[in-house]
Amino acid sequence: MRLVNTGLPRSAVNLVPGTGIRLTIGNAFMNLHGDWRVKYLRIIKDSGSFDVNVNGLTISTTIAVKSDEMGRPVVSNTNCVATVGSAKVKFHGGASWLYNLFSKFINKALCNALQEQICPLVDKTVAGLNLKLKTLNVLAKVDKYAEIEYSMVSSPAVSQSSIDLNLKGEFYNIGKHQEPPFTPAAFSLPSENNNMLYMALSAFTANSAAFVYNKAGVLSLYITDDMVNCC
């Protein structure tokens, strides 16, 4: 069986405050074509092809987004609802004329089966994303002296119009994650919605970088006599 055609006339992504993202697909359709074969003992053998048309497919699901213990995003599927307007199958070849007589019953059973399988399939797909999210790198090498960690320090804050990500943004000496003798101060961005992305760096990020490079000796400067010009 193979997918011949599919369409998503109406689809939308919205934010769900305090939770995550809502994905909605409306009035979708798909057309499939496949082959069938019947073999009963050694007496009955038959084969042919079939076409399936699915229409009025609607899916609405909410994907919750949180942070795991390593500061990587974790997603889960909640509140999934799916409906199938109609599913029609038509057989070709062999004794298809006989099977098509029962198409009304087959279509109803097919429609119910599809409707029951959609949300479990969505659950499986969303859960599979976590395997990829666990491989996200939250530590990047800057140079031979420093690396920066940008893992999430809390779960994303989702509002009606935005998602706020609170990232660590701390520099470390490579292979030596020593905390500096100062702590980050809380700060927040002003309420703006004219642009798609706003980014802010606190003084803690710059100070942690200075602390790291100072420990590495990069910020040290030795002045010798031959470097000083006498008047």
C-alpha atoms as a PDB file:
ATOM      1  CA  MET A   1       0.000   0.000   0.000  1.00  0.00           C
ATOM      2  CA  ARG A   2       1.335   3.452  -0.871  1.00  0.00           C
ATOM      3  CA  LEU A   3       0.201   7.012  -0.368  1.00  0.00           C
ATOM      4  CA  VAL A   4      -0.792   8.548  -3.695  1.00  0.00           C
ATOM      5  CA  ASN A   5      -1.974  11.976  -2.614  1.00  0.00           C
ATOM      6  CA  THR A   6      -2.527  13.958   0.554  1.00  0.00           C
ATOM      7  CA  GLY A   7      -3.717  17.434   1.437  1.00  0.00           C
ATOM      8  CA  LEU A   8      -3.877  19.690   4.497  1.00  0.00           C
ATOM      9  CA  PRO A   9      -6.227  22.514   3.479  1.00  0.00           C
ATOM     10  CA  ARG A  10      -6.416  23.906   7.000  1.00  0.00           C
ATOM     11  CA  SER A  11      -3.654  23.710   9.598  1.00  0.00           C
ATOM     12  CA  ALA A  12      -2.689  25.958  12.481  1.00  0.00           C
ATOM     13  CA  VAL A  13      -0.222  26.152  15.367  1.00  0.00           C
ATOM     14  CA  ASN A  14      -1.183  28.053  18.520  1.00  0.00           C
ATOM     15  CA  LEU A  15       0.357  28.537  21.934  1.00  0.00           C
ATOM     16  CA  VAL A  16      -1.340  27.068  25.009  1.00  0.00           C
ATOM     17  CA  PRO A  17      -0.473  29.207  28.076  1.00  0.00           C
ATOM     18  CA  GLY A  18       1.318  27.233  30.764  1.00  0.00           C
ATOM     19  CA  THR A  19       1.555  24.102  28.605  1.00  0.00           C
ATOM     20  CA  GLY A  20       3.035  24.284  25.131  1.00  0.00           C
ATOM     21  CA  ILE A  21       1.786  24.181  21.555  1.00  0.00           C
ATOM     22  CA  ARG A  22      -1.542  23.171  20.012  1.00  0.00           C
ATOM     23  CA  LEU A  23      -1.464  21.680  16.516  1.00  0.00           C
ATOM     24  CA  THR A  24      -4.714  21.603  14.545  1.00  0.00           C
ATOM     25  CA  ILE A  25      -5.317  19.989  11.162  1.00  0.00           C
ATOM     26  CA  GLY A  26      -8.749  20.317   9.564  1.00  0.00           C
ATOM     27  CA  ASN A  27     -10.495  18.825   6.535  1.00  0.00           C
ATOM     28  CA  ALA A  28      -7.424  16.851   5.484  1.00  0.00           C
ATOM     29  CA  PHE A  29      -7.605  14.088   2.894  1.00  0.00           C
ATOM     30  CA  MET A  30      -5.462  11.280   1.552  1.00  0.00           C
ATOM     31  CA  ASN A  31      -5.628   8.766  -1.284  1.00  0.00           C
ATOM     32  CA  LEU A  32      -3.967   5.362  -1.128  1.00  0.00           C
ATOM     33  CA  HIS A  33      -3.453   2.542  -3.608  1.00  0.00           C
ATOM     34  CA  GLY A  34      -2.472  -1.021  -2.818  1.00  0.00           C
ATOM     35  CA  ASP A  35      -2.667  -4.679  -3.776  1.00  0.00           C
ATOM     36  CA  TRP A  36      -4.690  -7.427  -2.115  1.00  0.00           C
ATOM     37  CA  ARG A  37      -4.319 -11.179  -2.233  1.00  0.00           C
ATOM     38  CA  VAL A  38      -6.464 -13.988  -0.827  1.00  0.00           C
ATOM     39  CA  LYS A  39      -5.243 -17.540  -0.311  1.00  0.00           C
ATOM     40  CA  TYR A  40      -7.342 -20.126   1.522  1.00  0.00           C
ATOM     41  CA  LEU A  41      -5.865 -23.628   1.753  1.00  0.00           C
ATOM     42  CA  ARG A  42      -4.992 -24.674  -1.804  1.00  0.00           C
ATOM     43  CA  ILE A  43      -8.412 -24.160  -3.261  1.00  0.00           C
ATOM     44  CA  ILE A  44      -9.148 -20.443  -3.232  1.00  0.00           C
ATOM     45  CA  LYS A  45      -6.661 -17.971  -4.650  1.00  0.00           C
ATOM     46  CA  ASP A  46      -7.507 -14.455  -5.706  1.00  0.00           C
ATOM     47  CA  SER A  47      -5.768 -11.099  -6.062  1.00  0.00           C
ATOM     48  CA  GLY A  48      -6.230  -7.567  -7.272  1.00  0.00           C
ATOM     49  CA  SER A  49      -5.778  -3.961  -6.249  1.00  0.00           C
ATOM     50  CA  PHE A  50      -7.700  -1.412  -4.224  1.00  0.00           C
ATOM     51  CA  ASP A  51      -8.059   2.340  -3.787  1.00  0.00           C
ATOM     52  CA  VAL A  52      -8.838   4.089  -0.515  1.00  0.00           C
ATOM     53  CA  ASN A  53     -10.068   7.677  -0.224  1.00  0.00           C
ATOM     54  CA  VAL A  54     -10.109   9.286   3.228  1.00  0.00           C
ATOM     55  CA  ASN A  55     -11.794  12.677   3.604  1.00  0.00           C
ATOM     56  CA  GLY A  56     -12.730  15.067   6.378  1.00  0.00           C
ATOM     57  CA  LEU A  57      -9.766  14.107   8.565  1.00  0.00           C
ATOM     58  CA  THR A  58      -9.452  16.387  11.600  1.00  0.00           C
ATOM     59  CA  ILE A  59      -6.763  16.220  14.285  1.00  0.00           C
ATOM     60  CA  SER A  60      -6.295  18.497  17.285  1.00  0.00           C
ATOM     61  CA  THR A  61      -3.541  17.818  19.799  1.00  0.00           C
ATOM     62  CA  THR A  62      -1.613  19.723  22.444  1.00  0.00           C
ATOM     63  CA  ILE A  63       2.126  19.154  22.822  1.00  0.00           C
ATOM     64  CA  ALA A  64       3.428  19.983  26.300  1.00  0.00           C
ATOM     65  CA  VAL A  65       7.011  21.273  26.459  1.00  0.00           C
ATOM     66  CA  LYS A  66       9.139  20.979  29.600  1.00  0.00           C
ATOM     67  CA  SER A  67      12.797  20.761  30.607  1.00  0.00           C
ATOM     68  CA  ASP A  68      14.504  17.539  31.718  1.00  0.00           C
ATOM     69  CA  GLU A  69      17.180  17.218  34.403  1.00  0.00           C
ATOM     70  CA  MET A  70      19.909  18.024  31.858  1.00  0.00           C
ATOM     71  CA  GLY A  71      18.229  21.200  30.630  1.00  0.00           C
ATOM     72  CA  ARG A  72      17.047  19.737  27.341  1.00  0.00           C
ATOM     73  CA  PRO A  73      13.454  20.060  26.114  1.00  0.00           C
ATOM     74  CA  VAL A  74      11.013  17.197  26.681  1.00  0.00           C
ATOM     75  CA  VAL A  75       7.692  16.926  24.844  1.00  0.00           C
ATOM     76  CA  SER A  76       4.537  14.930  25.535  1.00  0.00           C
ATOM     77  CA  ASN A  77       1.201  14.653  23.774  1.00  0.00           C
ATOM     78  CA  THR A  78      -2.008  15.616  25.600  1.00  0.00           C
ATOM     79  CA  ASN A  79      -5.656  16.167  24.696  1.00  0.00           C
ATOM     80  CA  CYS A  80      -5.535  14.483  21.289  1.00  0.00           C
ATOM     81  CA  VAL A  81      -8.834  14.369  19.401  1.00  0.00           C
ATOM     82  CA  ALA A  82      -9.238  12.896  15.917  1.00  0.00           C
ATOM     83  CA  THR A  83     -12.217  12.365  13.613  1.00  0.00           C
ATOM     84  CA  VAL A  84     -12.545  10.867  10.144  1.00  0.00           C
ATOM     85  CA  GLY A  85     -15.366  12.178   7.973  1.00  0.00           C
ATOM     86  CA  SER A  86     -15.408   9.278   5.532  1.00  0.00           C
ATOM     87  CA  ALA A  87     -13.287   6.399   4.273  1.00  0.00           C
ATOM     88  CA  LYS A  88     -14.176   4.652   1.033  1.00  0.00           C
ATOM     89  CA  VAL A  89     -12.476   1.613  -0.454  1.00  0.00           C
ATOM     90  CA  LYS A  90     -12.950   0.194  -3.932  1.00  0.00           C
ATOM     91  CA  PHE A  91     -11.543  -3.168  -5.021  1.00  0.00           C
ATOM     92  CA  HIS A  92     -10.327  -3.976  -8.530  1.00  0.00           C
ATOM     93  CA  GLY A  93      -9.584  -7.284 -10.231  1.00  0.00           C
ATOM     94  CA  GLY A  94     -10.428 -10.856  -9.265  1.00  0.00           C
ATOM     95  CA  ALA A  95     -13.696 -11.202  -7.366  1.00  0.00           C
ATOM     96  CA  SER A  96     -13.799  -7.501  -6.578  1.00  0.00           C
ATOM     97  CA  TRP A  97     -17.388  -7.307  -7.783  1.00  0.00           C
ATOM     98  CA  LEU A  98     -18.299  -9.476  -4.785  1.00  0.00           C
ATOM     99  CA  TYR A  99     -16.245  -7.533  -2.256  1.00  0.00           C
ATOM    100  CA  ASN A 100     -17.603  -4.207  -3.493  1.00  0.00           C
ATOM    101  CA  LEU A 101     -21.123  -5.379  -2.631  1.00  0.00           C
ATOM    102  CA  PHE A 102     -20.103  -5.104   1.028  1.00  0.00           C
ATOM    103  CA  SER A 103     -18.349  -1.745   0.634  1.00  0.00           C
ATOM    104  CA  LYS A 104     -20.815   0.021   2.957  1.00  0.00           C
ATOM    105  CA  PHE A 105     -19.848  -2.224   5.865  1.00  0.00           C
ATOM    106  CA  ILE A 106     -16.151  -2.188   4.952  1.00  0.00           C
ATOM    107  CA  ASN A 107     -16.098   1.610   4.732  1.00  0.00           C
ATOM    108  CA  LYS A 108     -17.658   2.003   8.181  1.00  0.00           C
ATOM    109  CA  ALA A 109     -15.225  -0.460   9.756  1.00  0.00           C
ATOM    110  CA  LEU A 110     -12.292   1.223   8.010  1.00  0.00           C
ATOM    111  CA  CYS A 111     -13.405   4.671   9.164  1.00  0.00           C
ATOM    112  CA  ASN A 112     -13.690   3.516  12.792  1.00  0.00           C
ATOM    113  CA  ALA A 113     -10.334   1.724  12.660  1.00  0.00           C
ATOM    114  CA  LEU A 114      -8.572   4.799  11.275  1.00  0.00           C
ATOM    115  CA  GLN A 115     -10.151   7.067  13.865  1.00  0.00           C
ATOM    116  CA  GLU A 116      -9.005   4.802  16.708  1.00  0.00           C
ATOM    117  CA  GLN A 117      -5.426   4.618  15.427  1.00  0.00           C
ATOM    118  CA  ILE A 118      -4.688   8.290  14.731  1.00  0.00           C
ATOM    119  CA  CYS A 119      -4.128   9.532  18.309  1.00  0.00           C
ATOM    120  CA  PRO A 120      -1.987   6.515  19.333  1.00  0.00           C
ATOM    121  CA  LEU A 121       0.104   7.188  16.219  1.00  0.00           C
ATOM    122  CA  VAL A 122       0.439  10.861  17.197  1.00  0.00           C
ATOM    123  CA  ASP A 123       1.461   9.789  20.732  1.00  0.00           C
ATOM    124  CA  LYS A 124       4.126   7.494  19.309  1.00  0.00           C
ATOM    125  CA  THR A 125       5.444  10.177  16.946  1.00  0.00           C
ATOM    126  CA  VAL A 126       5.697  12.835  19.665  1.00  0.00           C
ATOM    127  CA  ALA A 127       7.330  10.389  22.099  1.00  0.00           C
ATOM    128  CA  GLY A 128       9.859   9.534  19.397  1.00  0.00           C
ATOM    129  CA  LEU A 129      10.916  13.188  19.263  1.00  0.00           C
ATOM    130  CA  ASN A 130      12.356  12.859  22.779  1.00  0.00           C
ATOM    131  CA  LEU A 131      14.988  10.422  21.503  1.00  0.00           C
ATOM    132  CA  LYS A 132      16.261  13.153  19.189  1.00  0.00           C
ATOM    133  CA  LEU A 133      15.892  15.916  21.785  1.00  0.00           C
ATOM    134  CA  LYS A 134      18.094  13.948  24.202  1.00  0.00           C
ATOM    135  CA  THR A 135      20.935  14.253  21.688  1.00  0.00           C
ATOM    136  CA  LEU A 136      20.770  18.060  21.560  1.00  0.00           C
ATOM    137  CA  ASN A 137      24.092  19.606  22.504  1.00  0.00           C
ATOM    138  CA  VAL A 138      23.801  22.104  25.373  1.00  0.00           C
ATOM    139  CA  LEU A 139      27.544  22.714  25.611  1.00  0.00           C
ATOM    140  CA  ALA A 140      29.580  24.417  22.907  1.00  0.00           C
ATOM    141  CA  LYS A 141      33.321  24.942  22.630  1.00  0.00           C
ATOM    142  CA  VAL A 142      34.277  28.612  22.243  1.00  0.00           C
ATOM    143  CA  ASP A 143      38.036  28.243  21.845  1.00  0.00           C
ATOM    144  CA  LYS A 144      40.883  26.267  23.429  1.00  0.00           C
ATOM    145  CA  TYR A 145      40.241  27.940  26.768  1.00  0.00           C
ATOM    146  CA  ALA A 146      36.494  28.092  27.230  1.00  0.00           C
ATOM    147  CA  GLU A 147      33.153  26.488  26.526  1.00  0.00           C
ATOM    148  CA  ILE A 148      29.666  27.816  27.139  1.00  0.00           C
ATOM    149  CA  GLU A 149      26.679  25.938  28.534  1.00  0.00           C
ATOM    150  CA  TYR A 150      23.255  27.036  27.311  1.00  0.00           C
ATOM    151  CA  SER A 151      20.962  24.412  28.835  1.00  0.00           C
ATOM    152  CA  MET A 152      17.541  25.457  30.112  1.00  0.00           C
ATOM    153  CA  VAL A 153      17.466  26.231  33.828  1.00  0.00           C
ATOM    154  CA  SER A 154      13.671  25.897  33.947  1.00  0.00           C
ATOM    155  CA  SER A 155      10.804  24.753  31.766  1.00  0.00           C
ATOM    156  CA  PRO A 156       9.709  27.186  29.039  1.00  0.00           C
ATOM    157  CA  ALA A 157       7.201  29.816  30.136  1.00  0.00           C
ATOM    158  CA  VAL A 158       4.390  29.744  27.582  1.00  0.00           C
ATOM    159  CA  SER A 159       1.926  32.610  27.330  1.00  0.00           C
ATOM    160  CA  GLN A 160      -0.803  33.445  24.835  1.00  0.00           C
ATOM    161  CA  SER A 161       1.661  35.198  22.526  1.00  0.00           C
ATOM    162  CA  SER A 162       5.185  34.018  23.344  1.00  0.00           C
ATOM    163  CA  ILE A 163       7.529  31.346  24.672  1.00  0.00           C
ATOM    164  CA  ASP A 164      10.252  32.438  27.112  1.00  0.00           C
ATOM    165  CA  LEU A 165      13.356  30.253  27.329  1.00  0.00           C
ATOM    166  CA  ASN A 166      15.529  30.754  30.396  1.00  0.00           C
ATOM    167  CA  LEU A 167      18.953  29.517  29.284  1.00  0.00           C
ATOM    168  CA  LYS A 168      22.022  29.206  31.477  1.00  0.00           C
ATOM    169  CA  GLY A 169      24.550  31.098  29.335  1.00  0.00           C
ATOM    170  CA  GLU A 170      27.555  30.379  31.566  1.00  0.00           C
ATOM    171  CA  PHE A 171      31.214  30.113  30.499  1.00  0.00           C
ATOM    172  CA  TYR A 172      33.450  27.368  31.901  1.00  0.00           C
ATOM    173  CA  ASN A 173      37.072  26.371  31.534  1.00  0.00           C
ATOM    174  CA  ILE A 174      37.176  23.399  29.209  1.00  0.00           C
ATOM    175  CA  GLY A 175      36.773  20.232  31.221  1.00  0.00           C
ATOM    176  CA  LYS A 176      36.639  22.140  34.541  1.00  0.00           C
ATOM    177  CA  HIS A 177      33.181  23.322  35.468  1.00  0.00           C
ATOM    178  CA  GLN A 178      34.034  25.496  38.452  1.00  0.00           C
ATOM    179  CA  GLU A 179      31.325  27.909  39.547  1.00  0.00           C
ATOM    180  CA  PRO A 180      32.439  31.552  39.818  1.00  0.00           C
ATOM    181  CA  PRO A 181      32.423  33.413  43.175  1.00  0.00           C
ATOM    182  CA  PHE A 182      29.297  35.363  42.166  1.00  0.00           C
ATOM    183  CA  THR A 183      25.702  34.480  41.332  1.00  0.00           C
ATOM    184  CA  PRO A 184      23.380  35.602  38.524  1.00  0.00           C
ATOM    185  CA  ALA A 185      20.789  38.255  39.289  1.00  0.00           C
ATOM    186  CA  ALA A 186      17.235  37.800  38.082  1.00  0.00           C
ATOM    187  CA  PHE A 187      16.168  39.962  35.156  1.00  0.00           C
ATOM    188  CA  SER A 188      13.389  40.034  32.588  1.00  0.00           C
ATOM    189  CA  LEU A 189      12.816  41.406  29.107  1.00  0.00           C
ATOM    190  CA  PRO A 190      10.364  44.265  28.563  1.00  0.00           C
ATOM    191  CA  SER A 191       7.006  43.309  27.077  1.00  0.00           C
ATOM    192  CA  GLU A 192       7.443  43.595  23.313  1.00  0.00           C
ATOM    193  CA  ASN A 193       5.676  41.829  20.452  1.00  0.00           C
ATOM    194  CA  ASN A 194       6.759  43.644  17.297  1.00  0.00           C
ATOM    195  CA  ASN A 195       9.479  41.115  16.420  1.00  0.00           C
ATOM    196  CA  MET A 196       9.615  37.324  16.299  1.00  0.00           C
ATOM    197  CA  LEU A 197      12.701  36.900  18.469  1.00  0.00           C
ATOM    198  CA  TYR A 198      14.122  38.816  21.426  1.00  0.00           C
ATOM    199  CA  MET A 199      17.396  37.855  23.063  1.00  0.00           C
ATOM    200  CA  ALA A 200      19.094  39.244  26.162  1.00  0.00           C
ATOM    201  CA  LEU A 201      22.409  38.521  27.900  1.00  0.00           C
ATOM    202  CA  SER A 202      22.908  39.359  31.547  1.00  0.00           C
ATOM    203  CA  ALA A 203      26.086  40.723  33.114  1.00  0.00           C
ATOM    204  CA  PHE A 204      26.570  37.245  34.606  1.00  0.00           C
ATOM    205  CA  THR A 205      27.387  35.807  31.174  1.00  0.00           C
ATOM    206  CA  ALA A 206      30.086  38.410  30.531  1.00  0.00           C
ATOM    207  CA  ASN A 207      31.445  38.108  34.071  1.00  0.00           C
ATOM    208  CA  SER A 208      31.626  34.309  33.853  1.00  0.00           C
ATOM    209  CA  ALA A 209      33.592  34.658  30.606  1.00  0.00           C
ATOM    210  CA  ALA A 210      36.028  37.081  32.278  1.00  0.00           C
ATOM    211  CA  PHE A 211      36.404  34.702  35.231  1.00  0.00           C
ATOM    212  CA  VAL A 212      37.179  31.760  32.929  1.00  0.00           C
ATOM    213  CA  TYR A 213      39.725  33.591  30.774  1.00  0.00           C
ATOM    214  CA  ASN A 214      41.385  35.068  33.849  1.00  0.00           C
ATOM    215  CA  LYS A 215      41.827  31.580  35.337  1.00  0.00           C
ATOM    216  CA  ALA A 216      43.266  30.410  32.021  1.00  0.00           C
ATOM    217  CA  GLY A 217      45.843  33.206  32.183  1.00  0.00           C
ATOM    218  CA  VAL A 218      44.665  34.819  28.970  1.00  0.00           C
ATOM    219  CA  LEU A 219      43.936  38.155  30.649  1.00  0.00           C
ATOM    220  CA  SER A 220      47.355  38.324  32.315  1.00  0.00           C
ATOM    221  CA  LEU A 221      49.962  40.678  30.906  1.00  0.00           C
ATOM    222  CA  TYR A 222      53.587  40.708  32.034  1.00  0.00           C
ATOM    223  CA  ILE A 223      55.466  43.966  31.481  1.00  0.00           C
ATOM    224  CA  THR A 224      59.249  43.731  31.239  1.00  0.00           C
ATOM    225  CA  ASP A 225      61.883  46.458  31.169  1.00  0.00           C
ATOM    226  CA  ASP A 226      62.435  46.188  27.442  1.00  0.00           C
ATOM    227  CA  MET A 227      58.749  46.930  26.915  1.00  0.00           C
ATOM    228  CA  VAL A 228      59.006  50.284  28.685  1.00  0.00           C
ATOM    229  CA  ASN A 229      60.448  53.223  26.822  1.00  0.00           C
ATOM    230  CA  CYS A 230      62.367  55.645  29.045  1.00  0.00           C
ATOM    231  CA  CYS A 231      62.239  59.368  28.272  1.00  0.00           C
END
